[in-house]
Amino acid sequence: MRVVRIGVLGASRVAPEALFGPARAVPGAEVAAVAARDPERARRYAARHGVPRVLPGYQALLDDPGVDAVYIALPNAAHAEWTLRALAAGKHVLCEKPLAANARQAAEVAAAARRTGLVVMEGMHYRHHPLAERMRVLAGEALGTVTRVETANCWPVPRFDGLIYDYALGGGATMIAGCYAIDCLRLVGSASLGEPSATGARALLRGPGADRAMTGECVFPGGATGRFRCSLWSAARPSMSVRVTGERGEMRVTGYLMPHLFHRITVRAGGRTWHERLRGEPTYHGQLRAFAAAVLDGAPVATDAANATATLRLIDAFYHHAGLHPRGLP
């Protein structure tokens, strides 16, 4: 197998950008089939995006011998269930973020991935641009001992229907936008500081249990502190930013989530200031390239189920501190 034949679960809005376009540019990956709850919708979706086959249901896609891996872009609450089913059917999985509704589910997926030896990759696409590694390196090398990490992912989304604010479907600003900021906080902080623990959070609500914005505080082993902010609808200014403070200076990053469109690193340390920008392909292209390499060649997976479990453990804790239930838990 030198081409990963990918089946798509769900006729999602994100798949054209996250999978269909990249598959035309990345050798070693192709979209083989799609399945949706509504067969007629699946047929229209396949015709619109050039998917060669439509299968009659999710399980039929998992059972199909012409499919090696599945891309899951279902509502958040369904991610863990269908990832586990895919693994049981012998399929590798590329799942949109967050990998599960809560940390307990993510840990079940991690255990199943270890047991089966199959690839599970969470779709933290920003990690597949050189900027992600550069942020981590600079935080650990240029700033000295890190004392504070702050991340944000705030943008206005004037949509109030569908899964965005539906608790039962795993919605909420922290699940949809905050998961990126929390994963990034861990990326730039945990390598040198260890995994953080949540210490407080406050949320703005759209409806019962459904956050439209959240700010959370945390502490790393050794005493360094962190904060994340996310918003889908609030007075917060649009921001996809990182700020890391250390004993020797400070690093600020703008545009970390879509760095192939625009980003900028500014470092003030050791008495000087410099700026950096890094070339890189679109993040979803890099993500699919990494997924194909993991399936075909056994390449390591940076955003595996264990990493997703650590991020969701923080998400669960922030929800608790904000007086809200984590998704998928009573």
C-alpha atoms as a PDB file:
ATOM      1  CA  MET A   1       0.000   0.000   0.000  1.00  0.00           C
ATOM      2  CA  ARG A   2       1.674   3.202  -1.203  1.00  0.00           C
ATOM      3  CA  VAL A   3      -1.500   5.262  -1.319  1.00  0.00           C
ATOM      4  CA  VAL A   4      -3.780   5.709   1.675  1.00  0.00           C
ATOM      5  CA  ARG A   5      -7.375   5.391   0.472  1.00  0.00           C
ATOM      6  CA  ILE A   6      -9.430   7.608   2.755  1.00  0.00           C
ATOM      7  CA  GLY A   7     -13.145   7.322   3.398  1.00  0.00           C
ATOM      8  CA  VAL A   8     -15.025  10.348   4.718  1.00  0.00           C
ATOM      9  CA  LEU A   9     -17.591  10.035   7.511  1.00  0.00           C
ATOM     10  CA  GLY A  10     -20.062  12.879   7.194  1.00  0.00           C
ATOM     11  CA  ALA A  11     -20.750  15.543   4.564  1.00  0.00           C
ATOM     12  CA  SER A  12     -18.979  18.261   6.530  1.00  0.00           C
ATOM     13  CA  ARG A  13     -18.209  21.880   5.706  1.00  0.00           C
ATOM     14  CA  VAL A  14     -14.566  21.539   6.734  1.00  0.00           C
ATOM     15  CA  ALA A  15     -13.609  18.545   4.560  1.00  0.00           C
ATOM     16  CA  PRO A  16     -13.106  20.524   1.309  1.00  0.00           C
ATOM     17  CA  GLU A  17     -10.390  22.614   2.965  1.00  0.00           C
ATOM     18  CA  ALA A  18      -9.073  20.000   5.369  1.00  0.00           C
ATOM     19  CA  LEU A  19      -9.015  16.962   3.080  1.00  0.00           C
ATOM     20  CA  PHE A  20     -10.267  17.247  -0.507  1.00  0.00           C
ATOM     21  CA  GLY A  21      -7.958  20.082  -1.543  1.00  0.00           C
ATOM     22  CA  PRO A  22      -4.897  18.662   0.225  1.00  0.00           C
ATOM     23  CA  ALA A  23      -5.505  15.181  -1.244  1.00  0.00           C
ATOM     24  CA  ARG A  24      -5.080  16.637  -4.729  1.00  0.00           C
ATOM     25  CA  ALA A  25      -1.676  18.022  -3.724  1.00  0.00           C
ATOM     26  CA  VAL A  26      -0.262  15.316  -1.438  1.00  0.00           C
ATOM     27  CA  PRO A  27       1.140  12.139  -3.019  1.00  0.00           C
ATOM     28  CA  GLY A  28       0.261   9.045  -1.033  1.00  0.00           C
ATOM     29  CA  ALA A  29      -3.290  10.058  -0.107  1.00  0.00           C
ATOM     30  CA  GLU A  30      -6.558   9.935  -2.015  1.00  0.00           C
ATOM     31  CA  VAL A  31     -10.228  10.288  -1.138  1.00  0.00           C
ATOM     32  CA  ALA A  32     -11.915   6.998  -1.972  1.00  0.00           C
ATOM     33  CA  ALA A  33     -15.474   7.236  -0.646  1.00  0.00           C
ATOM     34  CA  VAL A  34     -17.948   9.165   1.464  1.00  0.00           C
ATOM     35  CA  ALA A  35     -20.902   8.207   3.661  1.00  0.00           C
ATOM     36  CA  ALA A  36     -23.502  10.407   5.345  1.00  0.00           C
ATOM     37  CA  ARG A  37     -26.702   9.846   7.293  1.00  0.00           C
ATOM     38  CA  ASP A  38     -28.723  11.076   4.322  1.00  0.00           C
ATOM     39  CA  PRO A  39     -27.737   9.045   1.211  1.00  0.00           C
ATOM     40  CA  GLU A  40     -29.085  11.685  -1.174  1.00  0.00           C
ATOM     41  CA  ARG A  41     -27.054  14.386   0.534  1.00  0.00           C
ATOM     42  CA  ALA A  42     -24.009  12.130   0.315  1.00  0.00           C
ATOM     43  CA  ARG A  43     -24.541  11.697  -3.430  1.00  0.00           C
ATOM     44  CA  ARG A  44     -24.795  15.446  -3.992  1.00  0.00           C
ATOM     45  CA  TYR A  45     -21.762  16.033  -1.782  1.00  0.00           C
ATOM     46  CA  ALA A  46     -19.689  13.415  -3.630  1.00  0.00           C
ATOM     47  CA  ALA A  47     -20.643  14.861  -7.018  1.00  0.00           C
ATOM     48  CA  ARG A  48     -19.748  18.386  -5.903  1.00  0.00           C
ATOM     49  CA  HIS A  49     -16.317  17.385  -4.582  1.00  0.00           C
ATOM     50  CA  GLY A  50     -15.340  14.627  -6.998  1.00  0.00           C
ATOM     51  CA  VAL A  51     -15.512  11.717  -4.544  1.00  0.00           C
ATOM     52  CA  PRO A  52     -15.698   8.524  -6.631  1.00  0.00           C
ATOM     53  CA  ARG A  53     -17.922   6.364  -4.402  1.00  0.00           C
ATOM     54  CA  VAL A  54     -20.853   6.834  -2.049  1.00  0.00           C
ATOM     55  CA  LEU A  55     -21.480   4.140   0.549  1.00  0.00           C
ATOM     56  CA  PRO A  56     -24.880   3.581   2.201  1.00  0.00           C
ATOM     57  CA  GLY A  57     -23.840   4.368   5.773  1.00  0.00           C
ATOM     58  CA  TYR A  58     -21.014   4.947   8.228  1.00  0.00           C
ATOM     59  CA  GLN A  59     -20.568   1.280   9.118  1.00  0.00           C
ATOM     60  CA  ALA A  60     -20.640   0.282   5.443  1.00  0.00           C
ATOM     61  CA  LEU A  61     -17.731   2.646   4.872  1.00  0.00           C
ATOM     62  CA  LEU A  62     -15.788   1.151   7.785  1.00  0.00           C
ATOM     63  CA  ASP A  63     -16.402  -2.361   6.428  1.00  0.00           C
ATOM     64  CA  ASP A  64     -15.346  -1.513   2.874  1.00  0.00           C
ATOM     65  CA  PRO A  65     -12.064  -3.208   1.826  1.00  0.00           C
ATOM     66  CA  GLY A  66     -11.344  -0.315  -0.548  1.00  0.00           C
ATOM     67  CA  VAL A  67     -10.911   2.062   2.384  1.00  0.00           C
ATOM     68  CA  ASP A  68      -7.671   2.074   4.418  1.00  0.00           C
ATOM     69  CA  ALA A  69      -8.360   5.037   6.678  1.00  0.00           C
ATOM     70  CA  VAL A  70     -11.218   7.310   7.668  1.00  0.00           C
ATOM     71  CA  TYR A  71     -11.505  11.055   8.071  1.00  0.00           C
ATOM     72  CA  ILE A  72     -14.019  11.943  10.779  1.00  0.00           C
ATOM     73  CA  ALA A  73     -15.648  15.371  10.798  1.00  0.00           C
ATOM     74  CA  LEU A  74     -18.858  14.481  12.612  1.00  0.00           C
ATOM     75  CA  PRO A  75     -20.172  16.487  15.584  1.00  0.00           C
ATOM     76  CA  ASN A  76     -17.686  16.477  18.472  1.00  0.00           C
ATOM     77  CA  ALA A  77     -19.844  14.164  20.577  1.00  0.00           C
ATOM     78  CA  ALA A  78     -19.527  11.432  17.930  1.00  0.00           C
ATOM     79  CA  HIS A  79     -15.755  11.596  17.439  1.00  0.00           C
ATOM     80  CA  ALA A  80     -14.709   9.000  20.004  1.00  0.00           C
ATOM     81  CA  GLU A  81     -17.468   6.520  19.140  1.00  0.00           C
ATOM     82  CA  TRP A  82     -16.671   6.434  15.442  1.00  0.00           C
ATOM     83  CA  THR A  83     -12.913   6.504  15.992  1.00  0.00           C
ATOM     84  CA  LEU A  84     -13.248   3.414  18.187  1.00  0.00           C
ATOM     85  CA  ARG A  85     -15.481   1.753  15.586  1.00  0.00           C
ATOM     86  CA  ALA A  86     -12.986   2.559  12.854  1.00  0.00           C
ATOM     87  CA  LEU A  87     -10.122   1.068  14.850  1.00  0.00           C
ATOM     88  CA  ALA A  88     -12.196  -2.046  15.506  1.00  0.00           C
ATOM     89  CA  ALA A  89     -12.713  -2.321  11.732  1.00  0.00           C
ATOM     90  CA  GLY A  90      -8.965  -2.084  11.127  1.00  0.00           C
ATOM     91  CA  LYS A  91      -8.932   1.483   9.773  1.00  0.00           C
ATOM     92  CA  HIS A  92      -6.500   4.267  10.543  1.00  0.00           C
ATOM     93  CA  VAL A  93      -8.126   7.521  11.665  1.00  0.00           C
ATOM     94  CA  LEU A  94      -7.669  11.229  10.994  1.00  0.00           C
ATOM     95  CA  CYS A  95     -10.217  12.892  13.279  1.00  0.00           C
ATOM     96  CA  GLU A  96     -11.107  16.548  13.494  1.00  0.00           C
ATOM     97  CA  LYS A  97     -10.374  18.250  16.785  1.00  0.00           C
ATOM     98  CA  PRO A  98     -11.203  17.672  19.535  1.00  0.00           C
ATOM     99  CA  LEU A  99     -10.622  13.931  19.322  1.00  0.00           C
ATOM    100  CA  ALA A 100     -13.340  13.215  21.882  1.00  0.00           C
ATOM    101  CA  ALA A 101     -15.941  14.929  24.031  1.00  0.00           C
ATOM    102  CA  ASN A 102     -13.845  14.558  27.192  1.00  0.00           C
ATOM    103  CA  ALA A 103     -10.574  13.157  28.493  1.00  0.00           C
ATOM    104  CA  ARG A 104     -12.049   9.815  29.547  1.00  0.00           C
ATOM    105  CA  GLN A 105     -13.205   9.124  26.003  1.00  0.00           C
ATOM    106  CA  ALA A 106      -9.868  10.245  24.593  1.00  0.00           C
ATOM    107  CA  ALA A 107      -8.041   7.859  26.929  1.00  0.00           C
ATOM    108  CA  GLU A 108     -10.223   5.010  25.616  1.00  0.00           C
ATOM    109  CA  VAL A 109      -9.207   5.938  22.079  1.00  0.00           C
ATOM    110  CA  ALA A 110      -5.532   6.083  23.088  1.00  0.00           C
ATOM    111  CA  ALA A 111      -5.769   2.605  24.605  1.00  0.00           C
ATOM    112  CA  ALA A 112      -7.444   1.241  21.468  1.00  0.00           C
ATOM    113  CA  ALA A 113      -4.793   2.822  19.248  1.00  0.00           C
ATOM    114  CA  ARG A 114      -2.041   1.182  21.298  1.00  0.00           C
ATOM    115  CA  ARG A 115      -3.836  -2.156  21.243  1.00  0.00           C
ATOM    116  CA  THR A 116      -4.452  -2.191  17.491  1.00  0.00           C
ATOM    117  CA  GLY A 117      -1.248  -0.492  16.385  1.00  0.00           C
ATOM    118  CA  LEU A 118      -3.253   1.716  14.037  1.00  0.00           C
ATOM    119  CA  VAL A 119      -2.649   5.428  13.458  1.00  0.00           C
ATOM    120  CA  VAL A 120      -4.903   7.932  15.196  1.00  0.00           C
ATOM    121  CA  MET A 121      -4.216  11.586  14.432  1.00  0.00           C
ATOM    122  CA  GLU A 122      -6.159  14.504  15.868  1.00  0.00           C
ATOM    123  CA  GLY A 123      -6.630  17.357  13.408  1.00  0.00           C
ATOM    124  CA  MET A 124      -4.566  20.042  15.144  1.00  0.00           C
ATOM    125  CA  HIS A 125      -3.511  21.233  11.718  1.00  0.00           C
ATOM    126  CA  TYR A 126      -1.478  24.257  12.895  1.00  0.00           C
ATOM    127  CA  ARG A 127       1.085  21.836  14.345  1.00  0.00           C
ATOM    128  CA  HIS A 128       2.086  20.834  10.810  1.00  0.00           C
ATOM    129  CA  HIS A 129       3.745  24.125   9.912  1.00  0.00           C
ATOM    130  CA  PRO A 130       7.353  24.981  10.850  1.00  0.00           C
ATOM    131  CA  LEU A 131       6.050  27.804  13.049  1.00  0.00           C
ATOM    132  CA  ALA A 132       4.795  25.372  15.702  1.00  0.00           C
ATOM    133  CA  GLU A 133       8.210  23.827  16.278  1.00  0.00           C
ATOM    134  CA  ARG A 134       9.917  27.212  16.103  1.00  0.00           C
ATOM    135  CA  MET A 135       7.660  28.596  18.849  1.00  0.00           C
ATOM    136  CA  ARG A 136       8.495  25.628  21.042  1.00  0.00           C
ATOM    137  CA  VAL A 137      12.243  25.979  20.444  1.00  0.00           C
ATOM    138  CA  LEU A 138      12.343  29.729  21.018  1.00  0.00           C
ATOM    139  CA  ALA A 139      10.323  29.434  24.228  1.00  0.00           C
ATOM    140  CA  GLY A 140      12.804  26.900  25.528  1.00  0.00           C
ATOM    141  CA  GLU A 141      16.063  28.452  24.307  1.00  0.00           C
ATOM    142  CA  ALA A 142      15.805  32.208  23.780  1.00  0.00           C
ATOM    143  CA  LEU A 143      13.848  33.283  26.853  1.00  0.00           C
ATOM    144  CA  GLY A 144      15.557  31.440  29.665  1.00  0.00           C
ATOM    145  CA  THR A 145      13.304  30.027  32.361  1.00  0.00           C
ATOM    146  CA  VAL A 146       9.705  30.546  31.245  1.00  0.00           C
ATOM    147  CA  THR A 147       7.444  32.226  33.799  1.00  0.00           C
ATOM    148  CA  ARG A 148       4.217  32.864  31.863  1.00  0.00           C
ATOM    149  CA  VAL A 149       2.468  31.451  28.767  1.00  0.00           C
ATOM    150  CA  GLU A 150      -0.616  33.083  27.262  1.00  0.00           C
ATOM    151  CA  THR A 151      -2.529  31.928  24.183  1.00  0.00           C
ATOM    152  CA  ALA A 152      -5.684  33.144  22.492  1.00  0.00           C
ATOM    153  CA  ASN A 153      -8.022  32.018  19.759  1.00  0.00           C
ATOM    154  CA  CYS A 154     -10.833  34.530  19.415  1.00  0.00           C
ATOM    155  CA  TRP A 155     -12.890  35.324  16.355  1.00  0.00           C
ATOM    156  CA  PRO A 156     -16.533  36.297  15.780  1.00  0.00           C
ATOM    157  CA  VAL A 157     -18.759  33.539  14.408  1.00  0.00           C
ATOM    158  CA  PRO A 158     -22.239  35.004  13.845  1.00  0.00           C
ATOM    159  CA  ARG A 159     -23.924  31.595  13.635  1.00  0.00           C
ATOM    160  CA  PHE A 160     -26.158  30.390  16.422  1.00  0.00           C
ATOM    161  CA  ASP A 161     -27.576  27.176  14.997  1.00  0.00           C
ATOM    162  CA  GLY A 162     -26.186  23.703  14.512  1.00  0.00           C
ATOM    163  CA  LEU A 163     -23.575  22.139  16.747  1.00  0.00           C
ATOM    164  CA  ILE A 164     -21.640  25.257  17.758  1.00  0.00           C
ATOM    165  CA  TYR A 165     -23.571  25.843  20.986  1.00  0.00           C
ATOM    166  CA  ASP A 166     -25.284  22.467  21.319  1.00  0.00           C
ATOM    167  CA  TYR A 167     -24.104  20.823  24.541  1.00  0.00           C
ATOM    168  CA  ALA A 168     -25.401  17.382  23.507  1.00  0.00           C
ATOM    169  CA  LEU A 169     -23.359  17.528  20.294  1.00  0.00           C
ATOM    170  CA  GLY A 170     -20.192  18.586  22.116  1.00  0.00           C
ATOM    171  CA  GLY A 171     -20.423  22.257  21.251  1.00  0.00           C
ATOM    172  CA  GLY A 172     -19.162  25.352  23.024  1.00  0.00           C
ATOM    173  CA  ALA A 173     -16.429  27.884  22.340  1.00  0.00           C
ATOM    174  CA  THR A 174     -13.824  25.985  24.346  1.00  0.00           C
ATOM    175  CA  MET A 175     -14.419  22.796  22.357  1.00  0.00           C
ATOM    176  CA  ILE A 176     -14.438  24.511  18.979  1.00  0.00           C
ATOM    177  CA  ALA A 177     -11.901  27.332  19.386  1.00  0.00           C
ATOM    178  CA  GLY A 178     -10.339  26.955  22.815  1.00  0.00           C
ATOM    179  CA  CYS A 179      -8.967  23.492  22.110  1.00  0.00           C
ATOM    180  CA  TYR A 180      -6.448  25.081  19.726  1.00  0.00           C
ATOM    181  CA  ALA A 181      -5.354  27.679  22.278  1.00  0.00           C
ATOM    182  CA  ILE A 182      -5.055  25.066  25.044  1.00  0.00           C
ATOM    183  CA  ASP A 183      -3.088  22.678  22.825  1.00  0.00           C
ATOM    184  CA  CYS A 184      -0.783  25.548  21.862  1.00  0.00           C
ATOM    185  CA  LEU A 185      -0.333  26.537  25.511  1.00  0.00           C
ATOM    186  CA  ARG A 186       0.805  22.978  26.189  1.00  0.00           C
ATOM    187  CA  LEU A 187       3.011  22.922  23.081  1.00  0.00           C
ATOM    188  CA  VAL A 188       5.090  25.965  24.045  1.00  0.00           C
ATOM    189  CA  GLY A 189       5.048  25.352  27.793  1.00  0.00           C
ATOM    190  CA  SER A 190       5.033  21.674  28.635  1.00  0.00           C
ATOM    191  CA  ALA A 191       8.299  20.710  26.894  1.00  0.00           C
ATOM    192  CA  SER A 192      10.338  22.659  29.462  1.00  0.00           C
ATOM    193  CA  LEU A 193       7.813  23.145  32.260  1.00  0.00           C
ATOM    194  CA  GLY A 194       5.757  19.938  32.357  1.00  0.00           C
ATOM    195  CA  GLU A 195       2.002  19.571  31.995  1.00  0.00           C
ATOM    196  CA  PRO A 196      -0.095  22.401  33.465  1.00  0.00           C
ATOM    197  CA  SER A 197      -3.039  22.119  35.864  1.00  0.00           C
ATOM    198  CA  ALA A 198      -6.118  24.326  35.661  1.00  0.00           C
ATOM    199  CA  THR A 199      -6.586  26.765  38.553  1.00  0.00           C
ATOM    200  CA  GLY A 200      -9.592  28.816  37.471  1.00  0.00           C
ATOM    201  CA  ALA A 201     -11.895  29.780  34.603  1.00  0.00           C
ATOM    202  CA  ARG A 202     -14.805  32.014  33.749  1.00  0.00           C
ATOM    203  CA  ALA A 203     -17.193  31.703  30.835  1.00  0.00           C
ATOM    204  CA  LEU A 204     -19.774  33.734  28.946  1.00  0.00           C
ATOM    205  CA  LEU A 205     -22.798  31.650  28.012  1.00  0.00           C
ATOM    206  CA  ARG A 206     -24.939  31.396  24.925  1.00  0.00           C
ATOM    207  CA  GLY A 207     -27.393  28.985  26.535  1.00  0.00           C
ATOM    208  CA  PRO A 208     -27.567  26.379  29.315  1.00  0.00           C
ATOM    209  CA  GLY A 209     -24.112  24.804  29.603  1.00  0.00           C
ATOM    210  CA  ALA A 210     -22.965  26.312  26.286  1.00  0.00           C
ATOM    211  CA  ASP A 211     -20.039  28.732  26.436  1.00  0.00           C
ATOM    212  CA  ARG A 212     -19.541  31.411  23.793  1.00  0.00           C
ATOM    213  CA  ALA A 213     -16.267  32.576  25.353  1.00  0.00           C
ATOM    214  CA  MET A 214     -13.941  31.420  28.108  1.00  0.00           C
ATOM    215  CA  THR A 215     -10.776  32.490  29.896  1.00  0.00           C
ATOM    216  CA  GLY A 216      -8.851  29.943  31.937  1.00  0.00           C
ATOM    217  CA  GLU A 217      -5.832  30.117  34.234  1.00  0.00           C
ATOM    218  CA  CYS A 218      -3.362  27.320  34.943  1.00  0.00           C
ATOM    219  CA  VAL A 219      -0.072  26.595  36.662  1.00  0.00           C
ATOM    220  CA  PHE A 220       2.884  24.524  35.493  1.00  0.00           C
ATOM    221  CA  PRO A 221       5.037  22.378  37.792  1.00  0.00           C
ATOM    222  CA  GLY A 222       7.576  24.729  39.318  1.00  0.00           C
ATOM    223  CA  GLY A 223       5.230  27.698  39.495  1.00  0.00           C
ATOM    224  CA  ALA A 224       5.073  29.217  36.000  1.00  0.00           C
ATOM    225  CA  THR A 225       1.557  30.320  35.131  1.00  0.00           C
ATOM    226  CA  GLY A 226      -0.555  30.237  31.992  1.00  0.00           C
ATOM    227  CA  ARG A 227      -3.744  31.597  30.545  1.00  0.00           C
ATOM    228  CA  PHE A 228      -5.860  30.796  27.523  1.00  0.00           C
ATOM    229  CA  ARG A 229      -8.654  32.841  25.983  1.00  0.00           C
ATOM    230  CA  CYS A 230     -11.195  31.803  23.396  1.00  0.00           C
ATOM    231  CA  SER A 231     -14.282  33.385  21.947  1.00  0.00           C
ATOM    232  CA  LEU A 232     -16.830  32.760  19.224  1.00  0.00           C
ATOM    233  CA  TRP A 233     -19.116  35.636  20.196  1.00  0.00           C
ATOM    234  CA  SER A 234     -18.040  38.328  22.649  1.00  0.00           C
ATOM    235  CA  ALA A 235     -16.482  41.773  22.848  1.00  0.00           C
ATOM    236  CA  ALA A 236     -12.996  40.246  22.558  1.00  0.00           C
ATOM    237  CA  ARG A 237     -10.907  41.463  19.650  1.00  0.00           C
ATOM    238  CA  PRO A 238     -10.065  38.856  17.011  1.00  0.00           C
ATOM    239  CA  SER A 239      -6.811  37.223  18.066  1.00  0.00           C
ATOM    240  CA  MET A 240      -4.798  34.126  17.250  1.00  0.00           C
ATOM    241  CA  SER A 241      -1.840  34.931  19.438  1.00  0.00           C
ATOM    242  CA  VAL A 242       0.834  33.548  21.729  1.00  0.00           C
ATOM    243  CA  ARG A 243       2.822  35.414  24.378  1.00  0.00           C
ATOM    244  CA  VAL A 244       5.606  33.737  26.336  1.00  0.00           C
ATOM    245  CA  THR A 245       7.522  35.534  29.082  1.00  0.00           C
ATOM    246  CA  GLY A 246      10.826  34.276  30.450  1.00  0.00           C
ATOM    247  CA  GLU A 247      13.636  35.471  32.682  1.00  0.00           C
ATOM    248  CA  ARG A 248      15.549  36.856  29.676  1.00  0.00           C
ATOM    249  CA  GLY A 249      12.707  38.357  27.646  1.00  0.00           C
ATOM    250  CA  GLU A 250       9.482  37.810  25.780  1.00  0.00           C
ATOM    251  CA  MET A 251       8.162  36.179  22.595  1.00  0.00           C
ATOM    252  CA  ARG A 252       4.966  37.259  20.855  1.00  0.00           C
ATOM    253  CA  VAL A 253       3.402  35.396  17.934  1.00  0.00           C
ATOM    254  CA  THR A 254       0.463  36.469  15.813  1.00  0.00           C
ATOM    255  CA  GLY A 255      -1.370  34.196  13.379  1.00  0.00           C
ATOM    256  CA  TYR A 256      -0.221  30.861  14.822  1.00  0.00           C
ATOM    257  CA  LEU A 257      -3.376  29.027  13.740  1.00  0.00           C
ATOM    258  CA  MET A 258      -3.173  29.743   9.984  1.00  0.00           C
ATOM    259  CA  PRO A 259       0.508  30.602   9.609  1.00  0.00           C
ATOM    260  CA  HIS A 260       0.647  29.901   5.868  1.00  0.00           C
ATOM    261  CA  LEU A 261      -1.665  32.912   5.391  1.00  0.00           C
ATOM    262  CA  PHE A 262       0.131  35.248   7.787  1.00  0.00           C
ATOM    263  CA  HIS A 263       2.184  35.072  10.947  1.00  0.00           C
ATOM    264  CA  ARG A 264       4.869  37.015  12.745  1.00  0.00           C
ATOM    265  CA  ILE A 265       7.239  36.159  15.587  1.00  0.00           C
ATOM    266  CA  THR A 266       8.690  38.986  17.666  1.00  0.00           C
ATOM    267  CA  VAL A 267      11.348  38.175  20.263  1.00  0.00           C
ATOM    268  CA  ARG A 268      12.805  40.639  22.747  1.00  0.00           C
ATOM    269  CA  ALA A 269      15.623  38.974  24.650  1.00  0.00           C
ATOM    270  CA  GLY A 270      19.243  39.553  25.594  1.00  0.00           C
ATOM    271  CA  GLY A 271      19.043  43.243  24.876  1.00  0.00           C
ATOM    272  CA  ARG A 272      17.880  42.930  21.283  1.00  0.00           C
ATOM    273  CA  THR A 273      14.675  42.542  19.299  1.00  0.00           C
ATOM    274  CA  TRP A 274      14.147  40.465  16.176  1.00  0.00           C
ATOM    275  CA  HIS A 275      11.312  39.271  13.968  1.00  0.00           C
ATOM    276  CA  GLU A 276      10.873  35.985  12.163  1.00  0.00           C
ATOM    277  CA  ARG A 277       8.575  34.462   9.560  1.00  0.00           C
ATOM    278  CA  LEU A 278       8.826  30.900   8.301  1.00  0.00           C
ATOM    279  CA  ARG A 279       7.896  29.464   4.951  1.00  0.00           C
ATOM    280  CA  GLY A 280       5.600  26.479   4.913  1.00  0.00           C
ATOM    281  CA  GLU A 281       2.847  24.814   2.953  1.00  0.00           C
ATOM    282  CA  PRO A 282      -0.811  25.176   4.017  1.00  0.00           C
ATOM    283  CA  THR A 283      -1.327  23.529   7.373  1.00  0.00           C
ATOM    284  CA  TYR A 284      -3.937  21.056   6.142  1.00  0.00           C
ATOM    285  CA  HIS A 285      -1.554  19.930   3.397  1.00  0.00           C
ATOM    286  CA  GLY A 286       1.142  19.319   5.989  1.00  0.00           C
ATOM    287  CA  GLN A 287      -1.306  17.474   8.193  1.00  0.00           C
ATOM    288  CA  LEU A 288      -2.385  15.092   5.427  1.00  0.00           C
ATOM    289  CA  ARG A 289       1.249  14.579   4.401  1.00  0.00           C
ATOM    290  CA  ALA A 290       2.102  13.640   8.011  1.00  0.00           C
ATOM    291  CA  PHE A 291      -0.896  11.314   8.247  1.00  0.00           C
ATOM    292  CA  ALA A 292       0.065   9.490   5.044  1.00  0.00           C
ATOM    293  CA  ALA A 293       3.667   9.166   6.269  1.00  0.00           C
ATOM    294  CA  ALA A 294       2.470   7.713   9.576  1.00  0.00           C
ATOM    295  CA  VAL A 295       0.266   5.131   7.843  1.00  0.00           C
ATOM    296  CA  LEU A 296       2.659   4.190   5.036  1.00  0.00           C
ATOM    297  CA  ASP A 297       6.044   4.524   6.745  1.00  0.00           C
ATOM    298  CA  GLY A 298       5.379   4.452  10.475  1.00  0.00           C
ATOM    299  CA  ALA A 299       6.384   8.100  10.939  1.00  0.00           C
ATOM    300  CA  PRO A 300       5.704   9.517  14.422  1.00  0.00           C
ATOM    301  CA  VAL A 301       2.426  11.307  15.127  1.00  0.00           C
ATOM    302  CA  ALA A 302       2.774  14.545  17.105  1.00  0.00           C
ATOM    303  CA  THR A 303      -0.970  14.974  17.601  1.00  0.00           C
ATOM    304  CA  ASP A 304      -1.803  11.440  18.656  1.00  0.00           C
ATOM    305  CA  ALA A 305      -4.507  10.289  21.063  1.00  0.00           C
ATOM    306  CA  ALA A 306      -2.215  10.684  24.082  1.00  0.00           C
ATOM    307  CA  ASN A 307      -1.634  14.336  23.209  1.00  0.00           C
ATOM    308  CA  ALA A 308      -5.371  14.828  22.699  1.00  0.00           C
ATOM    309  CA  THR A 309      -6.073  13.247  26.083  1.00  0.00           C
ATOM    310  CA  ALA A 310      -3.768  15.741  27.818  1.00  0.00           C
ATOM    311  CA  THR A 311      -5.487  18.678  26.094  1.00  0.00           C
ATOM    312  CA  LEU A 312      -8.968  17.369  26.908  1.00  0.00           C
ATOM    313  CA  ARG A 313      -7.977  16.818  30.518  1.00  0.00           C
ATOM    314  CA  LEU A 314      -7.358  20.565  30.736  1.00  0.00           C
ATOM    315  CA  ILE A 315     -10.569  21.365  28.856  1.00  0.00           C
ATOM    316  CA  ASP A 316     -12.576  19.250  31.324  1.00  0.00           C
ATOM    317  CA  ALA A 317     -10.921  21.008  34.260  1.00  0.00           C
ATOM    318  CA  PHE A 318     -11.570  24.474  32.831  1.00  0.00           C
ATOM    319  CA  TYR A 319     -15.240  23.610  32.378  1.00  0.00           C
ATOM    320  CA  HIS A 320     -15.410  22.470  36.002  1.00  0.00           C
ATOM    321  CA  HIS A 321     -13.764  25.691  37.224  1.00  0.00           C
ATOM    322  CA  ALA A 322     -16.235  27.735  35.159  1.00  0.00           C
ATOM    323  CA  GLY A 323     -19.150  25.914  36.809  1.00  0.00           C
ATOM    324  CA  LEU A 324     -20.037  23.976  33.666  1.00  0.00           C
ATOM    325  CA  HIS A 325     -20.173  20.271  32.825  1.00  0.00           C
ATOM    326  CA  PRO A 326     -17.527  18.854  30.525  1.00  0.00           C
ATOM    327  CA  ARG A 327     -19.084  17.585  27.318  1.00  0.00           C
ATOM    328  CA  GLY A 328     -20.379  14.016  27.405  1.00  0.00           C
ATOM    329  CA  LEU A 329     -20.362  13.751  31.203  1.00  0.00           C
ATOM    330  CA  PRO A 330     -23.334  13.909  33.614  1.00  0.00           C
END
